[in-house]
Amino acid sequence: MPTIVFASPKGGAGKSTAAVLLGTELAAKGAGVTIIDADPNRPVSRWAKRPNKPETLDVVADVTEETIIPQIEEAASRSAFVIVDLEGTASMTVGFALSRADLVIIPTKGSMLDAAEAVKAIKLLHAQEQAFRRKIPAAILFTQTNPAVRPRTLRHIEAQFAQSDVPVMKTHLFERDAYRALFMFGGGVSTLDPAEVSNIKTAKANAESFMREVVARLRAQTARLEEVA
């Protein structure tokens, strides 16, 4: 079963938010999901203790560099999707998780500083490809962007990634109060209370679009592997 890894050297890029959004949207479609919380701050584990966690979604914590690969493999044996939320620094745990990924998603905000950190993650990924002698598909995910405005800085960063042949997801995870609210109230976007959180419908549509693009990328990759075989 596919393993999706969220990686970024920079804290606050949106790894945990993206992991929870993807996991809850997949679970809402009836898929079995395991999120491996490999971030020492345990944001996903704290979210999972709040109400409304989907029944088909499990969270595994207490991950070490010795256990990360066995935990990914065990989760893949029982779940349709495995999602790994990594710590924000380069480490053996990060390297081992990347080596088992079917897709690495690198969240970044639309600033030059954040883009530079995303490039560091790409370089680390390339090093793991060489070490393990396998291609590891990856894509940049822009987070906390404004759905109504596309600043010149963001357009410039997108152009630089395109010139360097760095894949970028078409879907952005926009700046939404609903996404922050998940870690306060628990559950997924659909379980949030409209009396407490604004614009749930648009946040839900954005999260679904993100989930569909991830699944499409995984399917396209499988098709390419079948063609090679």
C-alpha atoms as a PDB file:
ATOM      1  CA  MET A   1       0.000   0.000   0.000  1.00  0.00           C
ATOM      2  CA  PRO A   2       1.315   3.499  -0.798  1.00  0.00           C
ATOM      3  CA  THR A   3       3.340   5.472   1.712  1.00  0.00           C
ATOM      4  CA  ILE A   4       3.135   9.266   1.523  1.00  0.00           C
ATOM      5  CA  VAL A   5       5.813  11.158   3.432  1.00  0.00           C
ATOM      6  CA  PHE A   6       5.624  14.831   4.391  1.00  0.00           C
ATOM      7  CA  ALA A   7       9.077  16.358   4.725  1.00  0.00           C
ATOM      8  CA  SER A   8      10.467  19.851   5.222  1.00  0.00           C
ATOM      9  CA  PRO A   9      13.451  21.163   7.196  1.00  0.00           C
ATOM     10  CA  LYS A  10      11.452  24.237   8.217  1.00  0.00           C
ATOM     11  CA  GLY A  11       8.986  24.261  11.063  1.00  0.00           C
ATOM     12  CA  GLY A  12       5.628  25.829  10.360  1.00  0.00           C
ATOM     13  CA  ALA A  13       5.569  24.825   6.695  1.00  0.00           C
ATOM     14  CA  GLY A  14       2.343  22.879   7.183  1.00  0.00           C
ATOM     15  CA  LYS A  15       3.498  19.250   7.280  1.00  0.00           C
ATOM     16  CA  SER A  16       1.201  18.150  10.100  1.00  0.00           C
ATOM     17  CA  THR A  17      -1.785  20.091   8.783  1.00  0.00           C
ATOM     18  CA  ALA A  18      -1.367  18.577   5.326  1.00  0.00           C
ATOM     19  CA  ALA A  19      -0.928  15.088   6.799  1.00  0.00           C
ATOM     20  CA  VAL A  20      -4.124  15.362   8.855  1.00  0.00           C
ATOM     21  CA  LEU A  21      -6.094  16.830   5.947  1.00  0.00           C
ATOM     22  CA  LEU A  22      -4.979  14.058   3.614  1.00  0.00           C
ATOM     23  CA  GLY A  23      -5.626  11.351   6.199  1.00  0.00           C
ATOM     24  CA  THR A  24      -9.093  12.553   7.141  1.00  0.00           C
ATOM     25  CA  GLU A  25     -10.166  13.072   3.526  1.00  0.00           C
ATOM     26  CA  LEU A  26      -9.022   9.568   2.570  1.00  0.00           C
ATOM     27  CA  ALA A  27     -10.765   8.127   5.634  1.00  0.00           C
ATOM     28  CA  ALA A  28     -13.936  10.008   4.685  1.00  0.00           C
ATOM     29  CA  LYS A  29     -13.926   7.999   1.454  1.00  0.00           C
ATOM     30  CA  GLY A  30     -13.790   4.778   3.486  1.00  0.00           C
ATOM     31  CA  ALA A  31     -10.069   4.068   3.145  1.00  0.00           C
ATOM     32  CA  GLY A  32      -8.028   2.635   5.990  1.00  0.00           C
ATOM     33  CA  VAL A  33      -5.305   5.126   6.918  1.00  0.00           C
ATOM     34  CA  THR A  34      -2.371   5.064   9.315  1.00  0.00           C
ATOM     35  CA  ILE A  35      -0.550   8.293  10.140  1.00  0.00           C
ATOM     36  CA  ILE A  36       2.893   7.775  11.621  1.00  0.00           C
ATOM     37  CA  ASP A  37       3.680  10.762  13.817  1.00  0.00           C
ATOM     38  CA  ALA A  38       7.465  11.029  13.610  1.00  0.00           C
ATOM     39  CA  ASP A  39       7.568  14.668  14.682  1.00  0.00           C
ATOM     40  CA  PRO A  40       9.032  14.959  18.227  1.00  0.00           C
ATOM     41  CA  ASN A  41       6.427  17.650  18.994  1.00  0.00           C
ATOM     42  CA  ARG A  42       3.672  15.043  18.336  1.00  0.00           C
ATOM     43  CA  PRO A  43       1.109  17.419  16.758  1.00  0.00           C
ATOM     44  CA  VAL A  44      -0.790  14.613  15.038  1.00  0.00           C
ATOM     45  CA  SER A  45      -0.897  12.533  18.225  1.00  0.00           C
ATOM     46  CA  ARG A  46      -2.398  15.475  20.116  1.00  0.00           C
ATOM     47  CA  TRP A  47      -4.967  15.963  17.347  1.00  0.00           C
ATOM     48  CA  ALA A  48      -5.883  12.252  17.513  1.00  0.00           C
ATOM     49  CA  LYS A  49      -6.788  12.551  21.213  1.00  0.00           C
ATOM     50  CA  ARG A  50      -9.504  15.077  20.414  1.00  0.00           C
ATOM     51  CA  PRO A  51     -13.039  14.092  19.347  1.00  0.00           C
ATOM     52  CA  ASN A  52     -14.198  12.894  15.932  1.00  0.00           C
ATOM     53  CA  LYS A  53     -11.096  11.082  14.693  1.00  0.00           C
ATOM     54  CA  PRO A  54     -12.301   8.835  11.831  1.00  0.00           C
ATOM     55  CA  GLU A  55     -12.734   5.192  12.832  1.00  0.00           C
ATOM     56  CA  THR A  56     -10.667   4.000   9.880  1.00  0.00           C
ATOM     57  CA  LEU A  57      -7.730   6.248  10.766  1.00  0.00           C
ATOM     58  CA  ASP A  58      -5.003   5.169  13.213  1.00  0.00           C
ATOM     59  CA  VAL A  59      -2.121   7.229  14.556  1.00  0.00           C
ATOM     60  CA  VAL A  60       1.201   5.662  15.531  1.00  0.00           C
ATOM     61  CA  ALA A  61       3.721   7.584  17.628  1.00  0.00           C
ATOM     62  CA  ASP A  62       6.872   6.735  19.647  1.00  0.00           C
ATOM     63  CA  VAL A  63       8.903   6.416  16.456  1.00  0.00           C
ATOM     64  CA  THR A  64      12.687   6.076  16.474  1.00  0.00           C
ATOM     65  CA  GLU A  65      15.292   5.600  13.783  1.00  0.00           C
ATOM     66  CA  GLU A  66      15.421   1.908  14.740  1.00  0.00           C
ATOM     67  CA  THR A  67      11.659   1.430  14.408  1.00  0.00           C
ATOM     68  CA  ILE A  68      10.582   3.756  11.596  1.00  0.00           C
ATOM     69  CA  ILE A  69      11.031   1.258   8.746  1.00  0.00           C
ATOM     70  CA  PRO A  70       9.336  -1.679  10.538  1.00  0.00           C
ATOM     71  CA  GLN A  71       6.485   0.617  11.577  1.00  0.00           C
ATOM     72  CA  ILE A  72       5.973   1.826   8.007  1.00  0.00           C
ATOM     73  CA  GLU A  73       6.009  -1.741   6.699  1.00  0.00           C
ATOM     74  CA  GLU A  74       3.620  -2.985   9.396  1.00  0.00           C
ATOM     75  CA  ALA A  75       1.232  -0.095   8.759  1.00  0.00           C
ATOM     76  CA  ALA A  76       1.352  -0.758   5.021  1.00  0.00           C
ATOM     77  CA  SER A  77       0.332  -4.368   5.624  1.00  0.00           C
ATOM     78  CA  ARG A  78      -2.971  -3.326   7.230  1.00  0.00           C
ATOM     79  CA  SER A  79      -3.863   0.111   5.831  1.00  0.00           C
ATOM     80  CA  ALA A  80      -4.710   1.274   2.333  1.00  0.00           C
ATOM     81  CA  PHE A  81      -2.622   4.419   2.873  1.00  0.00           C
ATOM     82  CA  VAL A  82       0.323   5.178   5.155  1.00  0.00           C
ATOM     83  CA  ILE A  83       1.117   8.823   5.873  1.00  0.00           C
ATOM     84  CA  VAL A  84       4.337   9.849   7.641  1.00  0.00           C
ATOM     85  CA  ASP A  85       4.682  13.254   9.299  1.00  0.00           C
ATOM     86  CA  LEU A  86       8.424  13.809   9.748  1.00  0.00           C
ATOM     87  CA  GLU A  87      10.405  16.022  12.060  1.00  0.00           C
ATOM     88  CA  GLY A  88      11.740  19.282  10.682  1.00  0.00           C
ATOM     89  CA  THR A  89      15.428  18.391  10.707  1.00  0.00           C
ATOM     90  CA  ALA A  90      17.633  16.048   8.731  1.00  0.00           C
ATOM     91  CA  SER A  91      18.142  12.818  10.667  1.00  0.00           C
ATOM     92  CA  MET A  92      18.461   9.071  10.210  1.00  0.00           C
ATOM     93  CA  THR A  93      14.729   8.768  10.928  1.00  0.00           C
ATOM     94  CA  VAL A  94      13.958  11.202   8.104  1.00  0.00           C
ATOM     95  CA  GLY A  95      16.338   9.427   5.740  1.00  0.00           C
ATOM     96  CA  PHE A  96      14.899   5.983   6.471  1.00  0.00           C
ATOM     97  CA  ALA A  97      11.324   7.221   6.015  1.00  0.00           C
ATOM     98  CA  LEU A  98      12.179   8.847   2.683  1.00  0.00           C
ATOM     99  CA  SER A  99      13.675   5.567   1.498  1.00  0.00           C
ATOM    100  CA  ARG A 100      10.285   3.853   1.903  1.00  0.00           C
ATOM    101  CA  ALA A 101       8.180   6.601   0.336  1.00  0.00           C
ATOM    102  CA  ASP A 102       5.998   6.134  -2.733  1.00  0.00           C
ATOM    103  CA  LEU A 103       5.485   9.893  -2.773  1.00  0.00           C
ATOM    104  CA  VAL A 104       7.257  12.643  -0.848  1.00  0.00           C
ATOM    105  CA  ILE A 105       5.350  15.885  -0.409  1.00  0.00           C
ATOM    106  CA  ILE A 106       7.398  18.938   0.547  1.00  0.00           C
ATOM    107  CA  PRO A 107       5.179  21.690   1.974  1.00  0.00           C
ATOM    108  CA  THR A 108       6.401  25.259   1.631  1.00  0.00           C
ATOM    109  CA  LYS A 109       4.943  28.700   2.067  1.00  0.00           C
ATOM    110  CA  GLY A 110       5.235  31.154  -0.799  1.00  0.00           C
ATOM    111  CA  SER A 111       8.341  33.015   0.339  1.00  0.00           C
ATOM    112  CA  MET A 112      11.952  32.853  -0.838  1.00  0.00           C
ATOM    113  CA  LEU A 113      13.085  31.792   2.637  1.00  0.00           C
ATOM    114  CA  ASP A 114      10.664  28.874   2.701  1.00  0.00           C
ATOM    115  CA  ALA A 115      11.473  27.924  -0.880  1.00  0.00           C
ATOM    116  CA  ALA A 116      15.173  27.755   0.030  1.00  0.00           C
ATOM    117  CA  GLU A 117      14.307  25.302   2.815  1.00  0.00           C
ATOM    118  CA  ALA A 118      12.247  23.243   0.363  1.00  0.00           C
ATOM    119  CA  VAL A 119      15.319  23.022  -1.871  1.00  0.00           C
ATOM    120  CA  LYS A 120      17.238  21.570   1.091  1.00  0.00           C
ATOM    121  CA  ALA A 121      14.596  18.850   1.383  1.00  0.00           C
ATOM    122  CA  ILE A 122      14.933  18.101  -2.319  1.00  0.00           C
ATOM    123  CA  LYS A 123      18.706  17.770  -1.979  1.00  0.00           C
ATOM    124  CA  LEU A 124      18.269  15.393   0.963  1.00  0.00           C
ATOM    125  CA  LEU A 125      15.811  13.374  -1.109  1.00  0.00           C
ATOM    126  CA  HIS A 126      18.297  13.104  -3.978  1.00  0.00           C
ATOM    127  CA  ALA A 127      20.929  11.876  -1.529  1.00  0.00           C
ATOM    128  CA  GLN A 128      18.557   9.142  -0.365  1.00  0.00           C
ATOM    129  CA  GLU A 129      17.856   8.170  -3.970  1.00  0.00           C
ATOM    130  CA  GLN A 130      21.557   7.639  -4.506  1.00  0.00           C
ATOM    131  CA  ALA A 131      21.998   5.788  -1.224  1.00  0.00           C
ATOM    132  CA  PHE A 132      19.093   3.398  -1.812  1.00  0.00           C
ATOM    133  CA  ARG A 133      19.400   3.284  -5.626  1.00  0.00           C
ATOM    134  CA  ARG A 134      15.757   4.006  -6.310  1.00  0.00           C
ATOM    135  CA  LYS A 135      13.771   6.896  -7.693  1.00  0.00           C
ATOM    136  CA  ILE A 136      11.593   8.543  -5.045  1.00  0.00           C
ATOM    137  CA  PRO A 137       8.735  10.596  -6.532  1.00  0.00           C
ATOM    138  CA  ALA A 138       8.261  13.983  -4.912  1.00  0.00           C
ATOM    139  CA  ALA A 139       6.346  17.229  -5.316  1.00  0.00           C
ATOM    140  CA  ILE A 140       6.296  20.674  -3.769  1.00  0.00           C
ATOM    141  CA  LEU A 141       3.051  21.668  -2.027  1.00  0.00           C
ATOM    142  CA  PHE A 142       2.418  25.369  -1.503  1.00  0.00           C
ATOM    143  CA  THR A 143       0.651  26.030   1.792  1.00  0.00           C
ATOM    144  CA  GLN A 144      -1.002  29.000   3.490  1.00  0.00           C
ATOM    145  CA  THR A 145      -1.411  30.833   0.185  1.00  0.00           C
ATOM    146  CA  ASN A 146      -4.195  33.288  -0.610  1.00  0.00           C
ATOM    147  CA  PRO A 147      -6.828  31.864  -2.979  1.00  0.00           C
ATOM    148  CA  ALA A 148      -7.675  35.330  -4.292  1.00  0.00           C
ATOM    149  CA  VAL A 149      -4.177  36.760  -4.809  1.00  0.00           C
ATOM    150  CA  ARG A 150      -1.096  35.265  -6.477  1.00  0.00           C
ATOM    151  CA  PRO A 151       1.806  37.516  -5.454  1.00  0.00           C
ATOM    152  CA  ARG A 152       4.718  38.182  -7.770  1.00  0.00           C
ATOM    153  CA  THR A 153       7.076  36.464  -5.319  1.00  0.00           C
ATOM    154  CA  LEU A 154       5.041  33.258  -5.484  1.00  0.00           C
ATOM    155  CA  ARG A 155       4.950  33.347  -9.275  1.00  0.00           C
ATOM    156  CA  HIS A 156       8.727  33.810  -9.329  1.00  0.00           C
ATOM    157  CA  ILE A 157       9.264  30.843  -7.027  1.00  0.00           C
ATOM    158  CA  GLU A 158       6.974  28.670  -9.145  1.00  0.00           C
ATOM    159  CA  ALA A 159       8.926  29.662 -12.262  1.00  0.00           C
ATOM    160  CA  GLN A 160      12.226  28.776 -10.586  1.00  0.00           C
ATOM    161  CA  PHE A 161      10.946  25.330  -9.605  1.00  0.00           C
ATOM    162  CA  ALA A 162       9.689  24.799 -13.173  1.00  0.00           C
ATOM    163  CA  GLN A 163      13.068  25.775 -14.640  1.00  0.00           C
ATOM    164  CA  SER A 164      14.739  23.260 -12.318  1.00  0.00           C
ATOM    165  CA  ASP A 165      12.239  20.520 -13.276  1.00  0.00           C
ATOM    166  CA  VAL A 166      10.976  20.307  -9.693  1.00  0.00           C
ATOM    167  CA  PRO A 167       7.413  18.918  -9.673  1.00  0.00           C
ATOM    168  CA  VAL A 168       4.892  21.235  -8.039  1.00  0.00           C
ATOM    169  CA  MET A 169       1.367  20.247  -7.053  1.00  0.00           C
ATOM    170  CA  LYS A 170      -1.355  22.168  -8.870  1.00  0.00           C
ATOM    171  CA  THR A 171      -3.405  22.303  -5.687  1.00  0.00           C
ATOM    172  CA  HIS A 172      -2.384  24.749  -2.975  1.00  0.00           C
ATOM    173  CA  LEU A 173      -3.527  24.393   0.612  1.00  0.00           C
ATOM    174  CA  PHE A 174      -4.895  27.852   1.179  1.00  0.00           C
ATOM    175  CA  GLU A 175      -4.804  29.893   4.358  1.00  0.00           C
ATOM    176  CA  ARG A 176      -7.969  28.695   6.101  1.00  0.00           C
ATOM    177  CA  ASP A 177      -9.181  29.109   9.668  1.00  0.00           C
ATOM    178  CA  ALA A 178     -10.738  25.646   9.377  1.00  0.00           C
ATOM    179  CA  TYR A 179      -7.311  24.033   9.029  1.00  0.00           C
ATOM    180  CA  ARG A 180      -6.064  25.611  12.244  1.00  0.00           C
ATOM    181  CA  ALA A 181      -9.313  24.661  13.942  1.00  0.00           C
ATOM    182  CA  LEU A 182      -8.675  20.951  13.352  1.00  0.00           C
ATOM    183  CA  PHE A 183      -6.007  20.969  16.045  1.00  0.00           C
ATOM    184  CA  MET A 184      -8.365  22.692  18.466  1.00  0.00           C
ATOM    185  CA  PHE A 185     -11.563  20.727  17.890  1.00  0.00           C
ATOM    186  CA  GLY A 186     -10.280  17.480  16.341  1.00  0.00           C
ATOM    187  CA  GLY A 187     -11.751  15.459  13.504  1.00  0.00           C
ATOM    188  CA  GLY A 188     -11.776  16.501   9.861  1.00  0.00           C
ATOM    189  CA  VAL A 189     -13.056  19.582   8.101  1.00  0.00           C
ATOM    190  CA  SER A 190     -16.510  18.033   7.682  1.00  0.00           C
ATOM    191  CA  THR A 191     -16.954  17.566  11.444  1.00  0.00           C
ATOM    192  CA  LEU A 192     -16.230  21.208  12.321  1.00  0.00           C
ATOM    193  CA  ASP A 193     -19.102  23.308  13.682  1.00  0.00           C
ATOM    194  CA  PRO A 194     -20.093  26.210  11.379  1.00  0.00           C
ATOM    195  CA  ALA A 195     -21.020  28.178  14.490  1.00  0.00           C
ATOM    196  CA  GLU A 196     -17.396  27.961  15.619  1.00  0.00           C
ATOM    197  CA  VAL A 197     -15.466  28.015  12.328  1.00  0.00           C
ATOM    198  CA  SER A 198     -16.013  30.051   9.152  1.00  0.00           C
ATOM    199  CA  ASN A 199     -15.856  29.016   5.500  1.00  0.00           C
ATOM    200  CA  ILE A 200     -15.950  25.266   6.138  1.00  0.00           C
ATOM    201  CA  LYS A 201     -17.401  24.515   2.698  1.00  0.00           C
ATOM    202  CA  THR A 202     -14.548  26.168   0.802  1.00  0.00           C
ATOM    203  CA  ALA A 203     -11.958  24.575   3.104  1.00  0.00           C
ATOM    204  CA  LYS A 204     -13.538  21.175   2.478  1.00  0.00           C
ATOM    205  CA  ALA A 205     -13.417  21.675  -1.296  1.00  0.00           C
ATOM    206  CA  ASN A 206      -9.743  22.657  -1.089  1.00  0.00           C
ATOM    207  CA  ALA A 207      -8.877  19.630   1.074  1.00  0.00           C
ATOM    208  CA  GLU A 208     -10.727  17.280  -1.283  1.00  0.00           C
ATOM    209  CA  SER A 209      -8.886  18.724  -4.270  1.00  0.00           C
ATOM    210  CA  PHE A 210      -5.580  18.126  -2.475  1.00  0.00           C
ATOM    211  CA  MET A 211      -6.521  14.536  -1.677  1.00  0.00           C
ATOM    212  CA  ARG A 212      -7.613  13.825  -5.258  1.00  0.00           C
ATOM    213  CA  GLU A 213      -4.346  15.161  -6.671  1.00  0.00           C
ATOM    214  CA  VAL A 214      -2.300  13.001  -4.302  1.00  0.00           C
ATOM    215  CA  VAL A 215      -4.258   9.906  -5.337  1.00  0.00           C
ATOM    216  CA  ALA A 216      -3.902  10.833  -9.025  1.00  0.00           C
ATOM    217  CA  ARG A 217      -0.138  11.164  -8.650  1.00  0.00           C
ATOM    218  CA  LEU A 218       0.067   7.762  -6.973  1.00  0.00           C
ATOM    219  CA  ARG A 219      -2.032   6.181  -9.731  1.00  0.00           C
ATOM    220  CA  ALA A 220       0.078   7.779 -12.467  1.00  0.00           C
ATOM    221  CA  GLN A 221       3.221   6.496 -10.828  1.00  0.00           C
ATOM    222  CA  THR A 222       1.792   2.962 -10.655  1.00  0.00           C
ATOM    223  CA  ALA A 223       0.858   3.132 -14.325  1.00  0.00           C
ATOM    224  CA  ARG A 224       4.394   4.162 -15.251  1.00  0.00           C
ATOM    225  CA  LEU A 225       5.854   1.287 -13.246  1.00  0.00           C
ATOM    226  CA  GLU A 226       3.528  -1.150 -14.992  1.00  0.00           C
ATOM    227  CA  GLU A 227       4.635   0.169 -18.382  1.00  0.00           C
ATOM    228  CA  VAL A 228       8.296  -0.378 -17.448  1.00  0.00           C
ATOM    229  CA  ALA A 229       7.529  -3.894 -16.189  1.00  0.00           C
END
